[in-house]
Amino acid sequence: MKYAKPPLTIDEQVKLLLQRGMTGDPGLIAQCLTVVNYYRLSGYWYTFRKRDDSFKPGTTFDLVWNMYLFDRQLRLLVMDAIERTEIAVRSLMAYHHAHEHGAFAYALDPTSLPKMDPDEHDAFLQRISEETDRSRETFVEHFRAKYGDSNEYLPVWMVTEIMSFGSLLT
């Protein structure tokens, strides 16, 4: 089936919502649709739709908009908590490994990562090398310029900052 829906202007989108039975201030709806597109918001009004695409009685744009705002705020809170947890895990892992085994043991002493067999360790170092090469972090460039002639790898506290979280947890 060929997709044949044309793009609608903001005013046309507002009219469509109102024609389908959603209530609300057309100016406010237009303002909101200008900054959050129709398609994104459609997920929030989906539960208020009937089979014929009209809205159930009592469906207001304010209700839909408030659901979107709640979801946005919740997402921001969750992302903040995830970021704090990730940074704490990175910090603790780097601190523990450096003090227990040394700054470069993850690369130079495979026994410092006892759950990795030699092939896994080689793949791990390859991923770290790729991530280091891709990095444009100032601290990586500084380390390369100052110590790169005698150090192939970054110290563990630096490498844990550029590694993907998945690689870090390997």
N, C-alpha and C. Protein backbone atom coordinates (compact mmCIF):
# COMPACT_ATOMS: atom_id res chain seq x y z
N MET A 1 0.84 -1.18 0.00
CA MET A 1 0.00 0.00 0.00
C MET A 1 0.89 1.23 0.00
N LYS A 2 0.59 2.15 -0.87
CA LYS A 2 1.34 3.38 -0.97
C LYS A 2 0.87 4.36 0.11
N TYR A 3 1.81 5.03 0.74
CA TYR A 3 1.48 6.04 1.75
C TYR A 3 1.05 7.30 1.02
N ALA A 4 -0.13 7.80 1.34
CA ALA A 4 -0.66 8.93 0.59
C ALA A 4 -1.06 10.12 1.48
N LYS A 5 -0.72 10.08 2.77
CA LYS A 5 -1.11 11.19 3.63
C LYS A 5 -0.22 12.40 3.35
N PRO A 6 -0.85 13.54 3.05
CA PRO A 6 -0.04 14.74 2.81
C PRO A 6 0.35 15.39 4.13
N PRO A 7 1.42 16.18 4.14
CA PRO A 7 1.74 16.92 5.36
C PRO A 7 0.68 17.99 5.58
N LEU A 8 0.31 18.19 6.82
CA LEU A 8 -0.69 19.20 7.17
C LEU A 8 -0.01 20.39 7.84
N THR A 9 -0.54 21.57 7.59
CA THR A 9 -0.05 22.75 8.29
C THR A 9 -0.48 22.65 9.75
N ILE A 10 0.09 23.47 10.58
CA ILE A 10 -0.31 23.49 12.00
C ILE A 10 -1.81 23.78 12.10
N ASP A 11 -2.28 24.76 11.35
CA ASP A 11 -3.71 25.09 11.41
C ASP A 11 -4.57 23.91 10.96
N GLU A 12 -4.14 23.19 9.95
CA GLU A 12 -4.89 22.02 9.49
C GLU A 12 -4.88 20.91 10.55
N GLN A 13 -3.77 20.77 11.24
CA GLN A 13 -3.69 19.78 12.32
C GLN A 13 -4.67 20.13 13.44
N VAL A 14 -4.71 21.40 13.82
CA VAL A 14 -5.63 21.87 14.86
C VAL A 14 -7.07 21.58 14.43
N LYS A 15 -7.41 21.95 13.21
CA LYS A 15 -8.77 21.72 12.70
C LYS A 15 -9.13 20.24 12.72
N LEU A 16 -8.19 19.39 12.34
CA LEU A 16 -8.44 17.95 12.33
C LEU A 16 -8.75 17.44 13.73
N LEU A 17 -7.96 17.86 14.70
CA LEU A 17 -8.20 17.44 16.09
C LEU A 17 -9.57 17.90 16.57
N LEU A 18 -9.91 19.14 16.28
CA LEU A 18 -11.20 19.68 16.72
C LEU A 18 -12.36 18.99 15.99
N GLN A 19 -12.18 18.71 14.69
CA GLN A 19 -13.22 18.00 13.92
C GLN A 19 -13.46 16.60 14.48
N ARG A 20 -12.41 15.99 14.98
CA ARG A 20 -12.54 14.63 15.52
C ARG A 20 -13.08 14.61 16.95
N GLY A 21 -13.31 15.78 17.53
CA GLY A 21 -13.96 15.84 18.82
C GLY A 21 -13.10 16.20 20.01
N MET A 22 -11.83 16.49 19.78
CA MET A 22 -11.00 16.97 20.89
C MET A 22 -11.39 18.42 21.15
N THR A 23 -11.42 18.80 22.41
CA THR A 23 -11.73 20.19 22.73
C THR A 23 -10.50 20.89 23.27
N GLY A 24 -10.47 22.21 23.08
CA GLY A 24 -9.37 23.00 23.59
C GLY A 24 -9.26 24.31 22.85
N ASP A 25 -8.41 25.17 23.35
CA ASP A 25 -8.17 26.48 22.76
C ASP A 25 -7.33 26.30 21.50
N PRO A 26 -7.87 26.65 20.32
CA PRO A 26 -7.11 26.45 19.07
C PRO A 26 -5.75 27.14 19.06
N GLY A 27 -5.66 28.32 19.67
CA GLY A 27 -4.38 29.03 19.73
C GLY A 27 -3.34 28.28 20.54
N LEU A 28 -3.77 27.75 21.69
CA LEU A 28 -2.85 26.99 22.54
C LEU A 28 -2.46 25.68 21.86
N ILE A 29 -3.42 25.02 21.21
CA ILE A 29 -3.11 23.77 20.51
C ILE A 29 -2.07 24.04 19.42
N ALA A 30 -2.28 25.11 18.66
CA ALA A 30 -1.33 25.47 17.59
C ALA A 30 0.05 25.75 18.16
N GLN A 31 0.08 26.48 19.27
CA GLN A 31 1.36 26.82 19.90
C GLN A 31 2.09 25.54 20.32
N CYS A 32 1.36 24.61 20.92
CA CYS A 32 1.97 23.35 21.38
C CYS A 32 2.43 22.49 20.20
N LEU A 33 1.61 22.43 19.14
CA LEU A 33 1.98 21.63 17.97
C LEU A 33 3.17 22.22 17.22
N THR A 34 3.45 23.48 17.45
CA THR A 34 4.62 24.11 16.83
C THR A 34 5.92 23.61 17.45
N VAL A 35 5.87 23.28 18.74
CA VAL A 35 7.10 22.86 19.43
C VAL A 35 7.17 21.35 19.70
N VAL A 36 6.03 20.67 19.66
CA VAL A 36 6.00 19.21 19.81
C VAL A 36 5.10 18.69 18.70
N ASN A 37 5.66 17.92 17.80
CA ASN A 37 4.89 17.61 16.60
C ASN A 37 3.71 16.68 16.84
N TYR A 38 2.78 16.77 15.91
CA TYR A 38 1.51 16.05 15.95
C TYR A 38 1.74 14.56 16.19
N TYR A 39 2.69 14.00 15.47
CA TYR A 39 2.93 12.56 15.55
C TYR A 39 3.37 12.15 16.96
N ARG A 40 4.26 12.91 17.57
CA ARG A 40 4.71 12.60 18.94
C ARG A 40 3.52 12.65 19.90
N LEU A 41 2.71 13.68 19.79
CA LEU A 41 1.57 13.83 20.70
C LEU A 41 0.49 12.76 20.45
N SER A 42 0.44 12.23 19.24
CA SER A 42 -0.59 11.24 18.93
C SER A 42 -0.50 10.01 19.83
N GLY A 43 0.65 9.71 20.32
CA GLY A 43 0.79 8.59 21.25
C GLY A 43 0.09 8.85 22.58
N TYR A 44 -0.05 10.11 22.93
CA TYR A 44 -0.69 10.48 24.19
C TYR A 44 -2.21 10.55 24.07
N TRP A 45 -2.71 10.80 22.88
CA TRP A 45 -4.16 10.81 22.73
C TRP A 45 -4.70 9.50 22.18
N TYR A 46 -3.83 8.56 21.93
CA TYR A 46 -4.24 7.27 21.35
C TYR A 46 -5.33 6.58 22.18
N THR A 47 -5.19 6.56 23.48
CA THR A 47 -6.16 5.86 24.33
C THR A 47 -7.53 6.56 24.35
N PHE A 48 -7.59 7.79 23.85
CA PHE A 48 -8.85 8.53 23.82
C PHE A 48 -9.55 8.42 22.46
N ARG A 49 -8.94 7.70 21.53
CA ARG A 49 -9.50 7.58 20.18
C ARG A 49 -10.52 6.46 20.10
N LYS A 50 -11.49 6.65 19.22
CA LYS A 50 -12.44 5.59 18.87
C LYS A 50 -11.94 4.93 17.59
N ARG A 51 -12.57 3.84 17.21
CA ARG A 51 -12.16 3.12 15.98
C ARG A 51 -12.22 4.00 14.73
N ASP A 52 -13.14 4.94 14.69
CA ASP A 52 -13.28 5.80 13.51
C ASP A 52 -12.36 7.03 13.55
N ASP A 53 -11.40 7.03 14.46
CA ASP A 53 -10.41 8.11 14.64
C ASP A 53 -10.98 9.35 15.32
N SER A 54 -12.24 9.34 15.70
CA SER A 54 -12.77 10.45 16.49
C SER A 54 -12.36 10.22 17.94
N PHE A 55 -12.56 11.25 18.76
CA PHE A 55 -12.18 11.15 20.16
C PHE A 55 -13.38 10.86 21.05
N LYS A 56 -13.12 10.16 22.13
CA LYS A 56 -14.17 9.89 23.12
C LYS A 56 -14.62 11.21 23.73
N PRO A 57 -15.88 11.30 24.13
CA PRO A 57 -16.37 12.53 24.76
C PRO A 57 -15.51 12.90 25.98
N GLY A 58 -15.27 14.19 26.13
CA GLY A 58 -14.50 14.69 27.27
C GLY A 58 -13.00 14.75 27.02
N THR A 59 -12.56 14.37 25.82
CA THR A 59 -11.13 14.42 25.53
C THR A 59 -10.73 15.86 25.27
N THR A 60 -9.84 16.37 26.12
CA THR A 60 -9.37 17.75 25.96
C THR A 60 -7.89 17.77 25.61
N PHE A 61 -7.51 18.80 24.88
CA PHE A 61 -6.09 18.95 24.56
C PHE A 61 -5.29 19.16 25.83
N ASP A 62 -5.85 19.88 26.79
CA ASP A 62 -5.15 20.11 28.06
C ASP A 62 -4.79 18.79 28.74
N LEU A 63 -5.71 17.83 28.72
CA LEU A 63 -5.44 16.52 29.32
C LEU A 63 -4.28 15.83 28.60
N VAL A 64 -4.33 15.85 27.28
CA VAL A 64 -3.27 15.22 26.49
C VAL A 64 -1.94 15.93 26.74
N TRP A 65 -1.95 17.25 26.72
CA TRP A 65 -0.72 18.03 26.92
C TRP A 65 -0.13 17.77 28.30
N ASN A 66 -0.98 17.71 29.31
CA ASN A 66 -0.50 17.44 30.68
C ASN A 66 0.09 16.03 30.79
N MET A 67 -0.48 15.08 30.08
CA MET A 67 0.11 13.72 30.07
C MET A 67 1.50 13.77 29.44
N TYR A 68 1.64 14.51 28.33
CA TYR A 68 2.93 14.66 27.68
C TYR A 68 3.94 15.32 28.63
N LEU A 69 3.53 16.40 29.30
CA LEU A 69 4.44 17.10 30.22
C LEU A 69 4.86 16.21 31.38
N PHE A 70 3.91 15.44 31.93
CA PHE A 70 4.24 14.51 33.01
C PHE A 70 5.27 13.49 32.53
N ASP A 71 5.05 12.92 31.36
CA ASP A 71 5.98 11.93 30.81
C ASP A 71 7.36 12.54 30.59
N ARG A 72 7.39 13.77 30.08
CA ARG A 72 8.66 14.46 29.85
C ARG A 72 9.42 14.68 31.16
N GLN A 73 8.71 15.14 32.18
CA GLN A 73 9.34 15.38 33.48
C GLN A 73 9.82 14.07 34.09
N LEU A 74 9.02 13.03 33.99
CA LEU A 74 9.43 11.72 34.51
C LEU A 74 10.67 11.22 33.78
N ARG A 75 10.69 11.38 32.46
CA ARG A 75 11.85 10.94 31.68
C ARG A 75 13.11 11.68 32.11
N LEU A 76 12.99 12.98 32.36
CA LEU A 76 14.15 13.76 32.81
C LEU A 76 14.65 13.30 34.18
N LEU A 77 13.73 13.01 35.09
CA LEU A 77 14.12 12.51 36.41
C LEU A 77 14.82 11.15 36.32
N VAL A 78 14.26 10.28 35.50
CA VAL A 78 14.85 8.94 35.33
C VAL A 78 16.23 9.06 34.69
N MET A 79 16.36 9.89 33.66
CA MET A 79 17.67 10.05 33.01
C MET A 79 18.70 10.64 33.97
N ASP A 80 18.28 11.55 34.82
CA ASP A 80 19.19 12.11 35.82
C ASP A 80 19.67 11.02 36.77
N ALA A 81 18.75 10.17 37.23
CA ALA A 81 19.12 9.08 38.15
C ALA A 81 20.04 8.08 37.46
N ILE A 82 19.76 7.78 36.20
CA ILE A 82 20.62 6.84 35.46
C ILE A 82 22.01 7.42 35.29
N GLU A 83 22.09 8.71 34.96
CA GLU A 83 23.40 9.34 34.78
C GLU A 83 24.21 9.31 36.08
N ARG A 84 23.57 9.64 37.19
CA ARG A 84 24.28 9.64 38.48
C ARG A 84 24.77 8.23 38.82
N THR A 85 23.93 7.24 38.57
CA THR A 85 24.32 5.85 38.85
C THR A 85 25.47 5.42 37.96
N GLU A 86 25.37 5.75 36.67
CA GLU A 86 26.44 5.37 35.74
C GLU A 86 27.77 6.01 36.14
N ILE A 87 27.76 7.27 36.49
CA ILE A 87 29.00 7.95 36.87
C ILE A 87 29.57 7.35 38.15
N ALA A 88 28.71 7.01 39.09
CA ALA A 88 29.19 6.40 40.34
C ALA A 88 29.81 5.04 40.07
N VAL A 89 29.19 4.24 39.21
CA VAL A 89 29.74 2.92 38.87
C VAL A 89 31.08 3.08 38.18
N ARG A 90 31.16 3.99 37.21
CA ARG A 90 32.44 4.23 36.52
C ARG A 90 33.53 4.64 37.53
N SER A 91 33.19 5.56 38.41
CA SER A 91 34.17 6.07 39.39
C SER A 91 34.65 4.97 40.32
N LEU A 92 33.72 4.20 40.86
CA LEU A 92 34.08 3.14 41.80
C LEU A 92 34.90 2.04 41.13
N MET A 93 34.52 1.68 39.91
CA MET A 93 35.28 0.64 39.20
C MET A 93 36.72 1.10 38.93
N ALA A 94 36.85 2.33 38.44
CA ALA A 94 38.19 2.84 38.13
C ALA A 94 39.02 2.95 39.41
N TYR A 95 38.45 3.48 40.46
CA TYR A 95 39.17 3.63 41.72
C TYR A 95 39.63 2.27 42.26
N HIS A 96 38.72 1.33 42.31
CA HIS A 96 39.05 0.01 42.84
C HIS A 96 40.13 -0.67 41.99
N HIS A 97 39.92 -0.67 40.68
CA HIS A 97 40.88 -1.38 39.81
C HIS A 97 42.26 -0.73 39.87
N ALA A 98 42.32 0.59 39.87
CA ALA A 98 43.61 1.28 39.91
C ALA A 98 44.35 0.99 41.21
N HIS A 99 43.64 1.02 42.34
CA HIS A 99 44.30 0.79 43.63
C HIS A 99 44.63 -0.67 43.87
N GLU A 100 43.84 -1.54 43.30
CA GLU A 100 44.08 -2.98 43.48
C GLU A 100 45.14 -3.51 42.52
N HIS A 101 45.15 -3.00 41.28
CA HIS A 101 45.99 -3.61 40.24
C HIS A 101 46.94 -2.65 39.54
N GLY A 102 46.69 -1.35 39.61
CA GLY A 102 47.54 -0.38 38.92
C GLY A 102 46.80 0.31 37.78
N ALA A 103 47.35 1.42 37.35
CA ALA A 103 46.70 2.29 36.37
C ALA A 103 46.47 1.64 35.01
N PHE A 104 47.37 0.73 34.62
CA PHE A 104 47.28 0.13 33.28
C PHE A 104 47.06 -1.38 33.30
N ALA A 105 46.76 -1.93 34.47
CA ALA A 105 46.65 -3.38 34.61
C ALA A 105 45.56 -3.97 33.72
N TYR A 106 44.47 -3.25 33.51
CA TYR A 106 43.39 -3.77 32.66
C TYR A 106 43.91 -4.16 31.28
N ALA A 107 44.95 -3.46 30.80
CA ALA A 107 45.52 -3.71 29.48
C ALA A 107 46.73 -4.61 29.54
N LEU A 108 47.60 -4.41 30.54
CA LEU A 108 48.88 -5.10 30.57
C LEU A 108 48.89 -6.39 31.38
N ASP A 109 47.91 -6.56 32.25
CA ASP A 109 47.85 -7.75 33.11
C ASP A 109 46.46 -8.38 33.02
N PRO A 110 46.27 -9.30 32.08
CA PRO A 110 44.96 -9.92 31.90
C PRO A 110 44.42 -10.58 33.18
N THR A 111 45.30 -10.95 34.11
CA THR A 111 44.82 -11.57 35.35
C THR A 111 44.08 -10.58 36.25
N SER A 112 44.22 -9.28 35.95
CA SER A 112 43.47 -8.27 36.72
C SER A 112 41.98 -8.28 36.35
N LEU A 113 41.66 -8.97 35.28
CA LEU A 113 40.27 -9.17 34.85
C LEU A 113 40.02 -10.67 34.77
N PRO A 114 39.94 -11.33 35.91
CA PRO A 114 39.96 -12.79 35.95
C PRO A 114 38.78 -13.50 35.26
N LYS A 115 37.70 -12.82 35.01
CA LYS A 115 36.57 -13.48 34.36
C LYS A 115 36.66 -13.46 32.84
N MET A 116 37.74 -12.87 32.31
CA MET A 116 37.92 -12.82 30.85
C MET A 116 38.95 -13.83 30.43
N ASP A 117 38.61 -14.61 29.40
CA ASP A 117 39.63 -15.49 28.83
C ASP A 117 40.48 -14.65 27.87
N PRO A 118 41.59 -15.19 27.40
CA PRO A 118 42.50 -14.39 26.56
C PRO A 118 41.84 -13.80 25.31
N ASP A 119 40.96 -14.56 24.66
CA ASP A 119 40.30 -14.03 23.47
C ASP A 119 39.37 -12.87 23.82
N GLU A 120 38.64 -13.00 24.92
CA GLU A 120 37.76 -11.92 25.37
C GLU A 120 38.57 -10.68 25.74
N HIS A 121 39.73 -10.90 26.37
CA HIS A 121 40.60 -9.78 26.75
C HIS A 121 41.11 -9.06 25.51
N ASP A 122 41.50 -9.82 24.49
CA ASP A 122 41.96 -9.21 23.24
C ASP A 122 40.85 -8.37 22.60
N ALA A 123 39.63 -8.92 22.58
CA ALA A 123 38.50 -8.18 22.00
C ALA A 123 38.18 -6.94 22.82
N PHE A 124 38.30 -7.06 24.13
CA PHE A 124 38.09 -5.94 25.04
C PHE A 124 39.09 -4.82 24.75
N LEU A 125 40.36 -5.17 24.62
CA LEU A 125 41.39 -4.17 24.31
C LEU A 125 41.17 -3.54 22.94
N GLN A 126 40.69 -4.34 21.99
CA GLN A 126 40.40 -3.81 20.66
C GLN A 126 39.29 -2.76 20.74
N ARG A 127 38.23 -3.06 21.51
CA ARG A 127 37.13 -2.09 21.68
C ARG A 127 37.64 -0.81 22.36
N ILE A 128 38.49 -0.98 23.36
CA ILE A 128 39.04 0.19 24.05
C ILE A 128 39.89 1.03 23.10
N SER A 129 40.70 0.36 22.29
CA SER A 129 41.53 1.09 21.32
C SER A 129 40.66 1.86 20.33
N GLU A 130 39.59 1.22 19.86
CA GLU A 130 38.68 1.89 18.92
C GLU A 130 37.99 3.09 19.58
N GLU A 131 37.55 2.90 20.81
CA GLU A 131 36.87 3.99 21.51
C GLU A 131 37.85 5.13 21.81
N THR A 132 39.10 4.79 22.13
CA THR A 132 40.13 5.81 22.37
C THR A 132 40.43 6.57 21.09
N ASP A 133 40.56 5.84 19.98
CA ASP A 133 40.85 6.49 18.70
C ASP A 133 39.71 7.42 18.26
N ARG A 134 38.48 7.04 18.56
CA ARG A 134 37.31 7.83 18.19
C ARG A 134 37.14 9.07 19.08
N SER A 135 37.67 9.01 20.27
CA SER A 135 37.45 10.07 21.25
C SER A 135 38.14 11.37 20.84
N ARG A 136 37.42 12.45 21.05
CA ARG A 136 37.98 13.80 20.84
C ARG A 136 38.01 14.57 22.15
N GLU A 137 37.94 13.84 23.26
CA GLU A 137 37.99 14.47 24.58
C GLU A 137 39.35 15.15 24.75
N THR A 138 39.33 16.31 25.36
CA THR A 138 40.56 17.07 25.58
C THR A 138 41.56 16.27 26.41
N PHE A 139 41.08 15.56 27.44
CA PHE A 139 42.01 14.82 28.29
C PHE A 139 42.68 13.68 27.53
N VAL A 140 41.98 13.09 26.55
CA VAL A 140 42.58 12.01 25.74
C VAL A 140 43.66 12.61 24.84
N GLU A 141 43.34 13.71 24.19
CA GLU A 141 44.33 14.35 23.31
C GLU A 141 45.56 14.82 24.10
N HIS A 142 45.33 15.34 25.31
CA HIS A 142 46.45 15.77 26.16
C HIS A 142 47.32 14.56 26.54
N PHE A 143 46.68 13.46 26.94
CA PHE A 143 47.44 12.28 27.32
C PHE A 143 48.26 11.76 26.15
N ARG A 144 47.64 11.69 24.98
CA ARG A 144 48.36 11.22 23.78
C ARG A 144 49.57 12.10 23.49
N ALA A 145 49.36 13.43 23.56
CA ALA A 145 50.45 14.36 23.25
C ALA A 145 51.58 14.26 24.27
N LYS A 146 51.24 14.11 25.55
CA LYS A 146 52.26 14.13 26.59
C LYS A 146 52.87 12.76 26.88
N TYR A 147 52.02 11.71 26.86
CA TYR A 147 52.51 10.39 27.28
C TYR A 147 52.36 9.30 26.21
N GLY A 148 51.79 9.66 25.07
CA GLY A 148 51.50 8.66 24.04
C GLY A 148 52.70 7.95 23.46
N ASP A 149 53.87 8.57 23.54
CA ASP A 149 55.07 7.92 23.00
C ASP A 149 55.47 6.70 23.82
N SER A 150 55.08 6.64 25.08
CA SER A 150 55.47 5.49 25.90
C SER A 150 54.28 4.74 26.49
N ASN A 151 53.06 5.14 26.17
CA ASN A 151 51.87 4.47 26.70
C ASN A 151 50.86 4.25 25.58
N GLU A 152 50.62 2.99 25.28
CA GLU A 152 49.64 2.65 24.25
C GLU A 152 48.21 2.85 24.76
N TYR A 153 48.02 2.66 26.08
CA TYR A 153 46.68 2.73 26.65
C TYR A 153 46.57 3.87 27.65
N LEU A 154 45.34 4.29 27.86
CA LEU A 154 45.05 5.32 28.87
C LEU A 154 45.01 4.68 30.25
N PRO A 155 45.27 5.44 31.32
CA PRO A 155 45.07 4.90 32.67
C PRO A 155 43.59 4.56 32.86
N VAL A 156 43.32 3.64 33.74
CA VAL A 156 41.97 3.12 33.91
C VAL A 156 40.97 4.23 34.25
N TRP A 157 41.34 5.24 35.00
CA TRP A 157 40.41 6.31 35.35
C TRP A 157 40.05 7.17 34.15
N MET A 158 40.89 7.17 33.12
CA MET A 158 40.54 7.88 31.89
C MET A 158 39.72 6.98 30.96
N VAL A 159 40.17 5.76 30.83
CA VAL A 159 39.49 4.87 29.88
C VAL A 159 38.05 4.60 30.30
N THR A 160 37.79 4.56 31.61
CA THR A 160 36.41 4.33 32.03
C THR A 160 35.50 5.50 31.67
N GLU A 161 36.07 6.66 31.40
CA GLU A 161 35.26 7.82 31.01
C GLU A 161 34.87 7.78 29.53
N ILE A 162 35.64 7.10 28.70
CA ILE A 162 35.32 7.09 27.27
C ILE A 162 34.70 5.78 26.80
N MET A 163 34.81 4.75 27.63
CA MET A 163 34.23 3.45 27.26
C MET A 163 32.71 3.53 27.28
N SER A 164 32.08 2.78 26.39
CA SER A 164 30.63 2.66 26.50
C SER A 164 30.33 1.94 27.80
N PHE A 165 29.17 2.15 28.33
CA PHE A 165 28.81 1.51 29.60
C PHE A 165 28.78 -0.01 29.44
N GLY A 166 28.37 -0.46 28.26
CA GLY A 166 28.35 -1.90 27.97
C GLY A 166 29.76 -2.49 28.01
N SER A 167 30.73 -1.81 27.43
CA SER A 167 32.11 -2.29 27.47
C SER A 167 32.64 -2.28 28.89
N LEU A 168 32.28 -1.27 29.64
CA LEU A 168 32.73 -1.16 31.02
C LEU A 168 32.24 -2.34 31.86
N LEU A 169 31.03 -2.78 31.61
CA LEU A 169 30.45 -3.86 32.41
C LEU A 169 30.82 -5.24 31.91
N THR A 170 31.58 -5.31 30.84
CA THR A 170 32.00 -6.60 30.28
C THR A 170 32.82 -7.39 31.28
